PDB file of all heavy atoms in Angstrom:
ATOM      1  N   LEU A   1     -10.870   1.663   9.389  1.00  0.00           N
ATOM      2  CA  LEU A   1     -11.528   0.935  10.520  1.00  0.00           C
ATOM      3  C   LEU A   1     -11.501   1.538  11.826  1.00  0.00           C
ATOM      4  O   LEU A   1     -12.427   1.650  12.537  1.00  0.00           O
ATOM      5  CB  LEU A   1     -10.888  -0.492  10.588  1.00  0.00           C
ATOM      6  CG  LEU A   1     -11.089  -1.362   9.426  1.00  0.00           C
ATOM      7  CD1 LEU A   1     -10.101  -2.761   9.536  1.00  0.00           C
ATOM      8  CD2 LEU A   1     -12.452  -1.775   9.146  1.00  0.00           C
ATOM      9  N   GLU A   2     -10.375   2.300  11.963  1.00  0.00           N
ATOM     10  CA  GLU A   2     -10.257   3.075  13.235  1.00  0.00           C
ATOM     11  C   GLU A   2     -11.190   4.249  13.231  1.00  0.00           C
ATOM     12  O   GLU A   2     -11.906   4.667  14.200  1.00  0.00           O
ATOM     13  CB  GLU A   2      -8.774   3.566  13.394  1.00  0.00           C
ATOM     14  CG  GLU A   2      -7.814   2.446  13.717  1.00  0.00           C
ATOM     15  CD  GLU A   2      -6.385   2.984  13.875  1.00  0.00           C
ATOM     16  OE1 GLU A   2      -6.110   4.111  13.451  1.00  0.00           O
ATOM     17  OE2 GLU A   2      -5.514   2.209  14.222  1.00  0.00           O
ATOM     18  N   ALA A   3     -11.268   4.878  12.086  1.00  0.00           N
ATOM     19  CA  ALA A   3     -12.192   6.163  11.954  1.00  0.00           C
ATOM     20  C   ALA A   3     -13.627   5.707  12.042  1.00  0.00           C
ATOM     21  O   ALA A   3     -14.430   6.528  12.504  1.00  0.00           O
ATOM     22  CB  ALA A   3     -11.953   6.850  10.548  1.00  0.00           C
ATOM     23  N   GLY A   4     -13.970   4.482  11.497  1.00  0.00           N
ATOM     24  CA  GLY A   4     -15.276   4.009  11.566  1.00  0.00           C
ATOM     25  C   GLY A   4     -15.705   3.388  12.801  1.00  0.00           C
ATOM     26  O   GLY A   4     -16.866   2.947  13.062  1.00  0.00           O
ATOM     27  N   GLY A   5     -14.842   3.214  13.771  1.00  0.00           N
ATOM     28  CA  GLY A   5     -14.951   2.536  15.100  1.00  0.00           C
ATOM     29  C   GLY A   5     -15.528   1.162  14.847  1.00  0.00           C
ATOM     30  O   GLY A   5     -16.315   0.613  15.694  1.00  0.00           O
ATOM     31  N   VAL A   6     -15.058   0.453  13.820  1.00  0.00           N
ATOM     32  CA  VAL A   6     -15.470  -0.996  13.580  1.00  0.00           C
ATOM     33  C   VAL A   6     -14.809  -1.836  14.620  1.00  0.00           C
ATOM     34  O   VAL A   6     -13.554  -1.916  14.887  1.00  0.00           O
ATOM     35  CB  VAL A   6     -15.014  -1.453  12.218  1.00  0.00           C
ATOM     36  CG1 VAL A   6     -15.408  -2.834  11.858  1.00  0.00           C
ATOM     37  CG2 VAL A   6     -15.636  -0.546  11.048  1.00  0.00           C
ATOM     38  N   ASP A   7     -15.557  -2.641  15.279  1.00  0.00           N
ATOM     39  CA  ASP A   7     -15.123  -3.585  16.270  1.00  0.00           C
ATOM     40  C   ASP A   7     -15.149  -5.015  15.839  1.00  0.00           C
ATOM     41  O   ASP A   7     -16.105  -5.505  15.293  1.00  0.00           O
ATOM     42  CB  ASP A   7     -16.031  -3.295  17.644  1.00  0.00           C
ATOM     43  CG  ASP A   7     -15.540  -3.873  18.926  1.00  0.00           C
ATOM     44  OD1 ASP A   7     -14.248  -4.059  18.903  1.00  0.00           O
ATOM     45  OD2 ASP A   7     -16.193  -4.032  19.858  1.00  0.00           O
ATOM     46  N   PHE A   8     -14.047  -5.719  16.165  1.00  0.00           N
ATOM     47  CA  PHE A   8     -13.883  -7.139  15.715  1.00  0.00           C
ATOM     48  C   PHE A   8     -12.828  -7.880  16.500  1.00  0.00           C
ATOM     49  O   PHE A   8     -11.985  -7.252  17.153  1.00  0.00           O
ATOM     50  CB  PHE A   8     -13.637  -7.122  14.175  1.00  0.00           C
ATOM     51  CG  PHE A   8     -12.414  -6.339  13.833  1.00  0.00           C
ATOM     52  CD1 PHE A   8     -11.134  -6.792  13.826  1.00  0.00           C
ATOM     53  CD2 PHE A   8     -12.575  -5.001  13.456  1.00  0.00           C
ATOM     54  CE1 PHE A   8     -10.056  -6.268  13.480  1.00  0.00           C
ATOM     55  CE2 PHE A   8     -11.493  -4.292  13.031  1.00  0.00           C
ATOM     56  CZ  PHE A   8     -10.279  -4.893  13.058  1.00  0.00           C
ATOM     57  N   ASP A   9     -12.979  -9.127  16.591  1.00  0.00           N
ATOM     58  CA  ASP A   9     -12.085  -9.985  17.210  1.00  0.00           C
ATOM     59  C   ASP A   9     -11.087 -10.717  16.277  1.00  0.00           C
ATOM     60  O   ASP A   9      -9.949 -10.951  16.634  1.00  0.00           O
ATOM     61  CB  ASP A   9     -12.751 -11.125  18.058  1.00  0.00           C
ATOM     62  CG  ASP A   9     -13.809 -10.378  18.989  1.00  0.00           C
ATOM     63  OD1 ASP A   9     -13.338  -9.697  19.944  1.00  0.00           O
ATOM     64  OD2 ASP A   9     -14.970 -10.933  18.972  1.00  0.00           O
ATOM     65  N   ILE A  10     -11.682 -10.983  15.112  1.00  0.00           N
ATOM     66  CA  ILE A  10     -10.884 -11.688  14.036  1.00  0.00           C
ATOM     67  C   ILE A  10     -11.035 -11.150  12.716  1.00  0.00           C
ATOM     68  O   ILE A  10     -12.060 -10.599  12.407  1.00  0.00           O
ATOM     69  CB  ILE A  10     -11.428 -13.271  14.009  1.00  0.00           C
ATOM     70  CG1 ILE A  10     -11.131 -14.003  15.317  1.00  0.00           C
ATOM     71  CG2 ILE A  10     -10.665 -14.088  12.960  1.00  0.00           C
ATOM     72  CD1 ILE A  10     -11.841 -15.319  15.366  1.00  0.00           C
ATOM     73  N   ILE A  11      -9.994 -11.299  11.941  1.00  0.00           N
ATOM     74  CA  ILE A  11     -10.039 -10.757  10.510  1.00  0.00           C
ATOM     75  C   ILE A  11     -10.056 -11.952   9.649  1.00  0.00           C
ATOM     76  O   ILE A  11      -9.243 -12.762   9.687  1.00  0.00           O
ATOM     77  CB  ILE A  11      -8.813  -9.841  10.174  1.00  0.00           C
ATOM     78  CG1 ILE A  11      -8.846  -8.655  11.061  1.00  0.00           C
ATOM     79  CG2 ILE A  11      -8.931  -9.462   8.698  1.00  0.00           C
ATOM     80  CD1 ILE A  11      -7.692  -7.668  10.834  1.00  0.00           C
ATOM     81  N   ALA A  12     -11.041 -11.918   8.652  1.00  0.00           N
ATOM     82  CA  ALA A  12     -11.234 -13.116   7.707  1.00  0.00           C
ATOM     83  C   ALA A  12     -10.890 -12.545   6.316  1.00  0.00           C
ATOM     84  O   ALA A  12     -11.470 -11.528   5.963  1.00  0.00           O
ATOM     85  CB  ALA A  12     -12.538 -13.753   7.836  1.00  0.00           C
ATOM     86  N   GLY A  13     -10.229 -13.336   5.487  1.00  0.00           N
ATOM     87  CA  GLY A  13     -10.112 -12.997   4.114  1.00  0.00           C
ATOM     88  C   GLY A  13     -10.785 -13.993   3.283  1.00  0.00           C
ATOM     89  O   GLY A  13     -10.837 -15.165   3.576  1.00  0.00           O
ATOM     90  N   VAL A  14     -11.448 -13.492   2.097  1.00  0.00           N
ATOM     91  CA  VAL A  14     -12.130 -14.324   1.171  1.00  0.00           C
ATOM     92  C   VAL A  14     -11.037 -14.844   0.200  1.00  0.00           C
ATOM     93  O   VAL A  14     -10.296 -14.047  -0.461  1.00  0.00           O
ATOM     94  CB  VAL A  14     -13.100 -13.561   0.326  1.00  0.00           C
ATOM     95  CG1 VAL A  14     -13.766 -14.456  -0.598  1.00  0.00           C
ATOM     96  CG2 VAL A  14     -14.156 -12.949   1.336  1.00  0.00           C
ATOM     97  N   ALA A  15     -10.921 -16.188   0.182  1.00  0.00           N
ATOM     98  CA  ALA A  15      -9.879 -16.764  -0.758  1.00  0.00           C
ATOM     99  C   ALA A  15     -10.253 -16.559  -2.183  1.00  0.00           C
ATOM    100  O   ALA A  15     -11.433 -16.606  -2.622  1.00  0.00           O
ATOM    101  CB  ALA A  15      -9.689 -18.252  -0.485  1.00  0.00           C
ATOM    102  N   VAL A  16      -9.327 -16.186  -3.078  1.00  0.00           N
ATOM    103  CA  VAL A  16      -8.049 -15.996  -2.800  1.00  0.00           C
ATOM    104  C   VAL A  16      -7.619 -14.656  -2.610  1.00  0.00           C
ATOM    105  O   VAL A  16      -6.546 -14.202  -1.953  1.00  0.00           O
ATOM    106  CB  VAL A  16      -6.979 -16.739  -3.654  1.00  0.00           C
ATOM    107  CG1 VAL A  16      -7.088 -18.284  -3.620  1.00  0.00           C
ATOM    108  CG2 VAL A  16      -7.128 -16.276  -5.151  1.00  0.00           C
ATOM    109  N   GLY A  17      -8.373 -13.761  -3.363  1.00  0.00           N
ATOM    110  CA  GLY A  17      -7.940 -12.329  -3.495  1.00  0.00           C
ATOM    111  C   GLY A  17      -7.910 -11.518  -2.238  1.00  0.00           C
ATOM    112  O   GLY A  17      -7.129 -10.680  -2.074  1.00  0.00           O
ATOM    113  N   GLY A  18      -8.638 -11.943  -1.162  1.00  0.00           N
ATOM    114  CA  GLY A  18      -8.645 -11.002   0.029  1.00  0.00           C
ATOM    115  C   GLY A  18      -7.694 -11.417   1.042  1.00  0.00           C
ATOM    116  O   GLY A  18      -7.365 -10.755   1.945  1.00  0.00           O
ATOM    117  N   VAL A  19      -7.186 -12.809   0.785  1.00  0.00           N
ATOM    118  CA  VAL A  19      -6.272 -13.363   1.909  1.00  0.00           C
ATOM    119  C   VAL A  19      -5.092 -12.469   2.089  1.00  0.00           C
ATOM    120  O   VAL A  19      -4.701 -12.312   3.355  1.00  0.00           O
ATOM    121  CB  VAL A  19      -6.043 -14.699   1.663  1.00  0.00           C
ATOM    122  CG1 VAL A  19      -5.042 -15.345   2.626  1.00  0.00           C
ATOM    123  CG2 VAL A  19      -7.245 -15.565   1.617  1.00  0.00           C
ATOM    124  N   PRO A  20      -4.221 -12.124   1.158  1.00  0.00           N
ATOM    125  CA  PRO A  20      -2.936 -11.389   1.540  1.00  0.00           C
ATOM    126  C   PRO A  20      -3.249 -10.096   2.282  1.00  0.00           C
ATOM    127  O   PRO A  20      -2.561  -9.719   3.238  1.00  0.00           O
ATOM    128  CB  PRO A  20      -2.420 -11.027   0.026  1.00  0.00           C
ATOM    129  CG  PRO A  20      -3.023 -12.030  -0.877  1.00  0.00           C
ATOM    130  CD  PRO A  20      -4.425 -12.423  -0.246  1.00  0.00           C
ATOM    131  N   HIS A  21      -4.434  -9.350   1.888  1.00  0.00           N
ATOM    132  CA  HIS A  21      -4.671  -8.161   2.578  1.00  0.00           C
ATOM    133  C   HIS A  21      -5.157  -8.278   3.993  1.00  0.00           C
ATOM    134  O   HIS A  21      -4.821  -7.597   4.919  1.00  0.00           O
ATOM    135  CB  HIS A  21      -5.738  -7.336   1.743  1.00  0.00           C
ATOM    136  CG  HIS A  21      -5.295  -7.441   0.319  1.00  0.00           C
ATOM    137  ND1 HIS A  21      -4.084  -6.807  -0.229  1.00  0.00           N
ATOM    138  CD2 HIS A  21      -5.921  -7.867  -0.758  1.00  0.00           C
ATOM    139  CE1 HIS A  21      -4.143  -7.108  -1.476  1.00  0.00           C
ATOM    140  NE2 HIS A  21      -5.132  -7.661  -1.976  1.00  0.00           N
ATOM    141  N   SER A  22      -5.987  -9.312   4.242  1.00  0.00           N
ATOM    142  CA  SER A  22      -6.552  -9.634   5.606  1.00  0.00           C
ATOM    143  C   SER A  22      -5.464 -10.097   6.437  1.00  0.00           C
ATOM    144  O   SER A  22      -5.399  -9.795   7.570  1.00  0.00           O
ATOM    145  CB  SER A  22      -7.563 -10.824   5.480  1.00  0.00           C
ATOM    146  OG  SER A  22      -7.096 -11.855   4.998  1.00  0.00           O
ATOM    147  N   SER A  23      -4.497 -10.954   5.869  1.00  0.00           N
ATOM    148  CA  SER A  23      -3.299 -11.411   6.687  1.00  0.00           C
ATOM    149  C   SER A  23      -2.511 -10.248   7.047  1.00  0.00           C
ATOM    150  O   SER A  23      -1.935 -10.099   8.230  1.00  0.00           O
ATOM    151  CB  SER A  23      -2.561 -12.459   5.900  1.00  0.00           C
ATOM    152  OG  SER A  23      -3.426 -13.559   5.526  1.00  0.00           O
ATOM    153  N   ALA A  24      -2.065  -9.391   6.053  1.00  0.00           N
ATOM    154  CA  ALA A  24      -1.264  -8.228   6.425  1.00  0.00           C
ATOM    155  C   ALA A  24      -1.898  -7.340   7.529  1.00  0.00           C
ATOM    156  O   ALA A  24      -1.169  -6.816   8.379  1.00  0.00           O
ATOM    157  CB  ALA A  24      -0.981  -7.510   5.126  1.00  0.00           C
ATOM    158  N   LEU A  25      -3.120  -7.125   7.247  1.00  0.00           N
ATOM    159  CA  LEU A  25      -3.881  -6.261   8.203  1.00  0.00           C
ATOM    160  C   LEU A  25      -3.839  -6.788   9.606  1.00  0.00           C
ATOM    161  O   LEU A  25      -3.618  -6.105  10.609  1.00  0.00           O
ATOM    162  CB  LEU A  25      -5.330  -5.937   7.667  1.00  0.00           C
ATOM    163  CG  LEU A  25      -6.127  -4.940   8.558  1.00  0.00           C
ATOM    164  CD1 LEU A  25      -5.575  -3.640   8.619  1.00  0.00           C
ATOM    165  CD2 LEU A  25      -7.546  -4.938   7.935  1.00  0.00           C
ATOM    166  N   ALA A  26      -4.222  -8.014   9.640  1.00  0.00           N
ATOM    167  CA  ALA A  26      -4.207  -8.889  11.020  1.00  0.00           C
ATOM    168  C   ALA A  26      -2.885  -8.728  11.696  1.00  0.00           C
ATOM    169  O   ALA A  26      -2.759  -8.543  12.850  1.00  0.00           O
ATOM    170  CB  ALA A  26      -4.770 -10.320  10.728  1.00  0.00           C
ATOM    171  N   TYR A  27      -1.786  -8.949  10.954  1.00  0.00           N
ATOM    172  CA  TYR A  27      -0.363  -8.839  11.400  1.00  0.00           C
ATOM    173  C   TYR A  27      -0.184  -7.484  12.027  1.00  0.00           C
ATOM    174  O   TYR A  27       0.309  -7.375  13.163  1.00  0.00           O
ATOM    175  CB  TYR A  27       0.574  -9.145  10.354  1.00  0.00           C
ATOM    176  CG  TYR A  27       1.998  -9.105  10.732  1.00  0.00           C
ATOM    177  CD1 TYR A  27       2.565 -10.193  11.404  1.00  0.00           C
ATOM    178  CD2 TYR A  27       2.734  -7.940  10.511  1.00  0.00           C
ATOM    179  CE1 TYR A  27       3.879 -10.163  11.770  1.00  0.00           C
ATOM    180  CE2 TYR A  27       4.090  -7.913  10.963  1.00  0.00           C
ATOM    181  CZ  TYR A  27       4.645  -9.015  11.560  1.00  0.00           C
ATOM    182  OH  TYR A  27       5.983  -8.926  12.043  1.00  0.00           O
ATOM    183  N   ILE A  28      -0.541  -6.436  11.378  1.00  0.00           N
ATOM    184  CA  ILE A  28      -0.268  -5.050  11.865  1.00  0.00           C
ATOM    185  C   ILE A  28      -1.195  -4.761  13.148  1.00  0.00           C
ATOM    186  O   ILE A  28      -0.660  -4.178  14.069  1.00  0.00           O
ATOM    187  CB  ILE A  28      -0.584  -4.066  10.775  1.00  0.00           C
ATOM    188  CG1 ILE A  28       0.441  -4.130   9.628  1.00  0.00           C
ATOM    189  CG2 ILE A  28      -0.797  -2.671  11.356  1.00  0.00           C
ATOM    190  CD1 ILE A  28       0.078  -3.184   8.481  1.00  0.00           C
ATOM    191  N   LEU A  29      -2.402  -5.282  13.041  1.00  0.00           N
ATOM    192  CA  LEU A  29      -3.275  -4.983  14.238  1.00  0.00           C
ATOM    193  C   LEU A  29      -3.057  -5.892  15.360  1.00  0.00           C
ATOM    194  O   LEU A  29      -3.846  -5.861  16.387  1.00  0.00           O
ATOM    195  CB  LEU A  29      -4.718  -4.942  13.582  1.00  0.00           C
ATOM    196  CG  LEU A  29      -5.064  -3.843  12.672  1.00  0.00           C
ATOM    197  CD1 LEU A  29      -6.550  -3.865  12.321  1.00  0.00           C
ATOM    198  CD2 LEU A  29      -4.676  -2.338  13.246  1.00  0.00           C
ATOM    199  N   GLN A  30      -2.286  -7.039  15.131  1.00  0.00           N
ATOM    200  CA  GLN A  30      -2.121  -8.080  16.119  1.00  0.00           C
ATOM    201  C   GLN A  30      -3.464  -8.722  16.521  1.00  0.00           C
ATOM    202  O   GLN A  30      -3.711  -8.938  17.624  1.00  0.00           O
ATOM    203  CB  GLN A  30      -1.421  -7.545  17.286  1.00  0.00           C
ATOM    204  CG  GLN A  30      -0.069  -6.979  17.017  1.00  0.00           C
ATOM    205  CD  GLN A  30       0.644  -6.547  18.303  1.00  0.00           C
ATOM    206  OE1 GLN A  30       0.837  -7.335  19.210  1.00  0.00           O
ATOM    207  NE2 GLN A  30       1.277  -5.375  18.257  1.00  0.00           N
ATOM    208  N   LYS A  31      -4.123  -9.132  15.391  1.00  0.00           N
ATOM    209  CA  LYS A  31      -5.493  -9.817  15.446  1.00  0.00           C
ATOM    210  C   LYS A  31      -5.350 -11.307  14.859  1.00  0.00           C
ATOM    211  O   LYS A  31      -4.528 -11.377  14.000  1.00  0.00           O
ATOM    212  CB  LYS A  31      -6.589  -8.946  14.714  1.00  0.00           C
ATOM    213  CG  LYS A  31      -6.941  -7.723  15.442  1.00  0.00           C
ATOM    214  CD  LYS A  31      -7.839  -7.855  16.548  1.00  0.00           C
ATOM    215  CE  LYS A  31      -8.419  -6.441  17.034  1.00  0.00           C
ATOM    216  NZ  LYS A  31      -9.289  -6.672  18.179  1.00  0.00           N
ATOM    217  N   PRO A  32      -6.015 -12.145  15.490  1.00  0.00           N
ATOM    218  CA  PRO A  32      -6.164 -13.469  14.818  1.00  0.00           C
ATOM    219  C   PRO A  32      -6.685 -13.410  13.404  1.00  0.00           C
ATOM    220  O   PRO A  32      -7.504 -12.437  13.108  1.00  0.00           O
ATOM    221  CB  PRO A  32      -7.145 -14.240  15.708  1.00  0.00           C
ATOM    222  CG  PRO A  32      -7.220 -13.507  17.038  1.00  0.00           C
ATOM    223  CD  PRO A  32      -6.964 -12.039  16.693  1.00  0.00           C
ATOM    224  N   SER A  33      -6.283 -14.280  12.502  1.00  0.00           N
ATOM    225  CA  SER A  33      -6.667 -14.223  11.182  1.00  0.00           C
ATOM    226  C   SER A  33      -7.070 -15.637  10.699  1.00  0.00           C
ATOM    227  O   SER A  33      -6.460 -16.618  11.011  1.00  0.00           O
ATOM    228  CB  SER A  33      -5.544 -13.791  10.270  1.00  0.00           C
ATOM    229  OG  SER A  33      -5.844 -13.667   8.915  1.00  0.00           O
ATOM    230  N   VAL A  34      -8.188 -15.625   9.890  1.00  0.00           N
ATOM    231  CA  VAL A  34      -8.598 -16.822   9.199  1.00  0.00           C
ATOM    232  C   VAL A  34      -8.863 -16.502   7.707  1.00  0.00           C
ATOM    233  O   VAL A  34      -8.824 -15.420   7.317  1.00  0.00           O
ATOM    234  CB  VAL A  34      -9.915 -17.478   9.815  1.00  0.00           C
ATOM    235  CG1 VAL A  34      -9.650 -17.716  11.255  1.00  0.00           C
ATOM    236  CG2 VAL A  34     -11.094 -16.461   9.718  1.00  0.00           C
ATOM    237  N   PHE A  35      -9.174 -17.634   6.898  1.00  0.00           N
ATOM    238  CA  PHE A  35      -9.566 -17.375   5.570  1.00  0.00           C
ATOM    239  C   PHE A  35     -10.736 -18.316   5.256  1.00  0.00           C
ATOM    240  O   PHE A  35     -10.822 -19.370   5.820  1.00  0.00           O
ATOM    241  CB  PHE A  35      -8.430 -17.435   4.593  1.00  0.00           C
ATOM    242  CG  PHE A  35      -7.819 -18.788   4.307  1.00  0.00           C
ATOM    243  CD1 PHE A  35      -8.467 -19.595   3.204  1.00  0.00           C
ATOM    244  CD2 PHE A  35      -6.737 -19.138   5.005  1.00  0.00           C
ATOM    245  CE1 PHE A  35      -7.799 -20.810   3.026  1.00  0.00           C
ATOM    246  CE2 PHE A  35      -6.100 -20.264   4.659  1.00  0.00           C
ATOM    247  CZ  PHE A  35      -6.752 -21.265   3.654  1.00  0.00           C
ATOM    248  N   VAL A  36     -11.535 -17.827   4.215  1.00  0.00           N
ATOM    249  CA  VAL A  36     -12.711 -18.613   3.840  1.00  0.00           C
ATOM    250  C   VAL A  36     -12.527 -18.948   2.535  1.00  0.00           C
ATOM    251  O   VAL A  36     -12.491 -18.299   1.569  1.00  0.00           O
ATOM    252  CB  VAL A  36     -13.989 -17.658   4.083  1.00  0.00           C
ATOM    253  CG1 VAL A  36     -15.231 -18.530   3.798  1.00  0.00           C
ATOM    254  CG2 VAL A  36     -13.973 -17.061   5.401  1.00  0.00           C
ATOM    255  N   ARG A  37     -12.651 -20.359   2.343  1.00  0.00           N
ATOM    256  CA  ARG A  37     -12.578 -20.837   0.934  1.00  0.00           C
ATOM    257  C   ARG A  37     -13.816 -20.665   0.135  1.00  0.00           C
ATOM    258  O   ARG A  37     -14.917 -20.328   0.778  1.00  0.00           O
ATOM    259  CB  ARG A  37     -12.368 -22.497   1.039  1.00  0.00           C
ATOM    260  CG  ARG A  37     -11.017 -22.898   1.665  1.00  0.00           C
ATOM    261  CD  ARG A  37     -11.027 -24.364   1.684  1.00  0.00           C
ATOM    262  NE  ARG A  37      -9.760 -24.757   2.421  1.00  0.00           N
ATOM    263  CZ  ARG A  37      -8.558 -24.840   1.832  1.00  0.00           C
ATOM    264  NH1 ARG A  37      -8.477 -24.695   0.445  1.00  0.00           N
ATOM    265  NH2 ARG A  37      -7.499 -25.417   2.412  1.00  0.00           N
ATOM    266  N   LYS A  38     -13.662 -20.629  -1.126  1.00  0.00           N
ATOM    267  CA  LYS A  38     -14.996 -20.484  -1.910  1.00  0.00           C
ATOM    268  C   LYS A  38     -15.997 -21.597  -1.763  1.00  0.00           C
ATOM    269  O   LYS A  38     -17.123 -21.576  -1.948  1.00  0.00           O
ATOM    270  CB  LYS A  38     -14.560 -20.253  -3.365  1.00  0.00           C
ATOM    271  CG  LYS A  38     -13.729 -19.002  -3.788  1.00  0.00           C
ATOM    272  CD  LYS A  38     -13.584 -18.736  -5.169  1.00  0.00           C
ATOM    273  CE  LYS A  38     -12.692 -17.566  -5.373  1.00  0.00           C
ATOM    274  NZ  LYS A  38     -13.453 -16.276  -4.935  1.00  0.00           N
ATOM    275  N   GLU A  39     -15.436 -22.757  -1.461  1.00  0.00           N
ATOM    276  CA  GLU A  39     -16.319 -23.912  -1.272  1.00  0.00           C
ATOM    277  C   GLU A  39     -15.567 -24.867  -0.333  1.00  0.00           C
ATOM    278  O   GLU A  39     -14.298 -24.721  -0.119  1.00  0.00           O
ATOM    279  CB  GLU A  39     -16.550 -24.698  -2.660  1.00  0.00           C
ATOM    280  CG  GLU A  39     -15.277 -25.075  -3.427  1.00  0.00           C
ATOM    281  CD  GLU A  39     -15.657 -25.578  -4.710  1.00  0.00           C
ATOM    282  OE1 GLU A  39     -16.724 -25.156  -5.337  1.00  0.00           O
ATOM    283  OE2 GLU A  39     -14.791 -26.339  -5.285  1.00  0.00           O
ATOM    284  N   GLU A  40     -16.270 -25.827   0.175  1.00  0.00           N
ATOM    285  CA  GLU A  40     -15.696 -26.840   1.100  1.00  0.00           C
ATOM    286  C   GLU A  40     -14.551 -27.635   0.297  1.00  0.00           C
ATOM    287  O   GLU A  40     -14.830 -27.959  -0.776  1.00  0.00           O
ATOM    288  CB  GLU A  40     -16.769 -27.662   1.709  1.00  0.00           C
ATOM    289  CG  GLU A  40     -17.680 -26.958   2.626  1.00  0.00           C
ATOM    290  CD  GLU A  40     -18.762 -27.943   3.209  1.00  0.00           C
ATOM    291  OE1 GLU A  40     -18.837 -28.996   2.818  1.00  0.00           O
ATOM    292  OE2 GLU A  40     -19.523 -27.451   4.001  1.00  0.00           O
ATOM    293  N   LYS A  41     -13.628 -27.934   1.088  1.00  0.00           N
ATOM    294  CA  LYS A  41     -12.549 -28.860   0.677  1.00  0.00           C
ATOM    295  C   LYS A  41     -13.239 -30.264   0.339  1.00  0.00           C
ATOM    296  O   LYS A  41     -14.051 -30.727   1.026  1.00  0.00           O
ATOM    297  CB  LYS A  41     -11.431 -29.133   1.687  1.00  0.00           C
ATOM    298  CG  LYS A  41     -10.549 -27.901   1.926  1.00  0.00           C
ATOM    299  CD  LYS A  41      -9.601 -28.010   3.001  1.00  0.00           C
ATOM    300  CE  LYS A  41      -8.609 -29.179   2.755  1.00  0.00           C
ATOM    301  NZ  LYS A  41      -7.626 -29.389   3.806  1.00  0.00           N
ATOM    302  N   ALA A  42     -12.644 -30.871  -0.837  1.00  0.00           N
ATOM    303  CA  ALA A  42     -13.244 -32.307  -1.070  1.00  0.00           C
ATOM    304  C   ALA A  42     -12.509 -33.295  -0.429  1.00  0.00           C
ATOM    305  O   ALA A  42     -12.845 -34.467  -0.549  1.00  0.00           O
ATOM    306  CB  ALA A  42     -13.037 -32.405  -2.567  1.00  0.00           C
ATOM    307  N   HIS A  43     -11.571 -32.983   0.428  1.00  0.00           N
ATOM    308  CA  HIS A  43     -10.750 -33.910   1.196  1.00  0.00           C
ATOM    309  C   HIS A  43     -10.387 -33.367   2.671  1.00  0.00           C
ATOM    310  O   HIS A  43     -10.833 -32.235   2.904  1.00  0.00           O
ATOM    311  CB  HIS A  43      -9.417 -34.302   0.436  1.00  0.00           C
ATOM    312  CG  HIS A  43      -8.574 -33.118   0.267  1.00  0.00           C
ATOM    313  ND1 HIS A  43      -8.719 -32.204  -0.760  1.00  0.00           N
ATOM    314  CD2 HIS A  43      -7.462 -32.602   0.897  1.00  0.00           C
ATOM    315  CE1 HIS A  43      -7.726 -31.296  -0.713  1.00  0.00           C
ATOM    316  NE2 HIS A  43      -7.033 -31.417   0.335  1.00  0.00           N
ATOM    317  N   GLY A  44      -9.851 -34.195   3.358  1.00  0.00           N
ATOM    318  CA  GLY A  44      -9.629 -33.747   4.747  1.00  0.00           C
ATOM    319  C   GLY A  44     -10.762 -33.513   5.604  1.00  0.00           C
ATOM    320  O   GLY A  44     -11.705 -34.331   5.547  1.00  0.00           O
TER     321      GLY A  44
END
């Protein structure tokens, strides 16, 4: 990302496989992190 000059405010992970990596990357880069479910929750 640094080499490619990719600019972003938030890192999002695709549930479930992408979430550990997006979270770890956000932690290292000190960026906010979210995750995206495959579908909307049926409750809440």
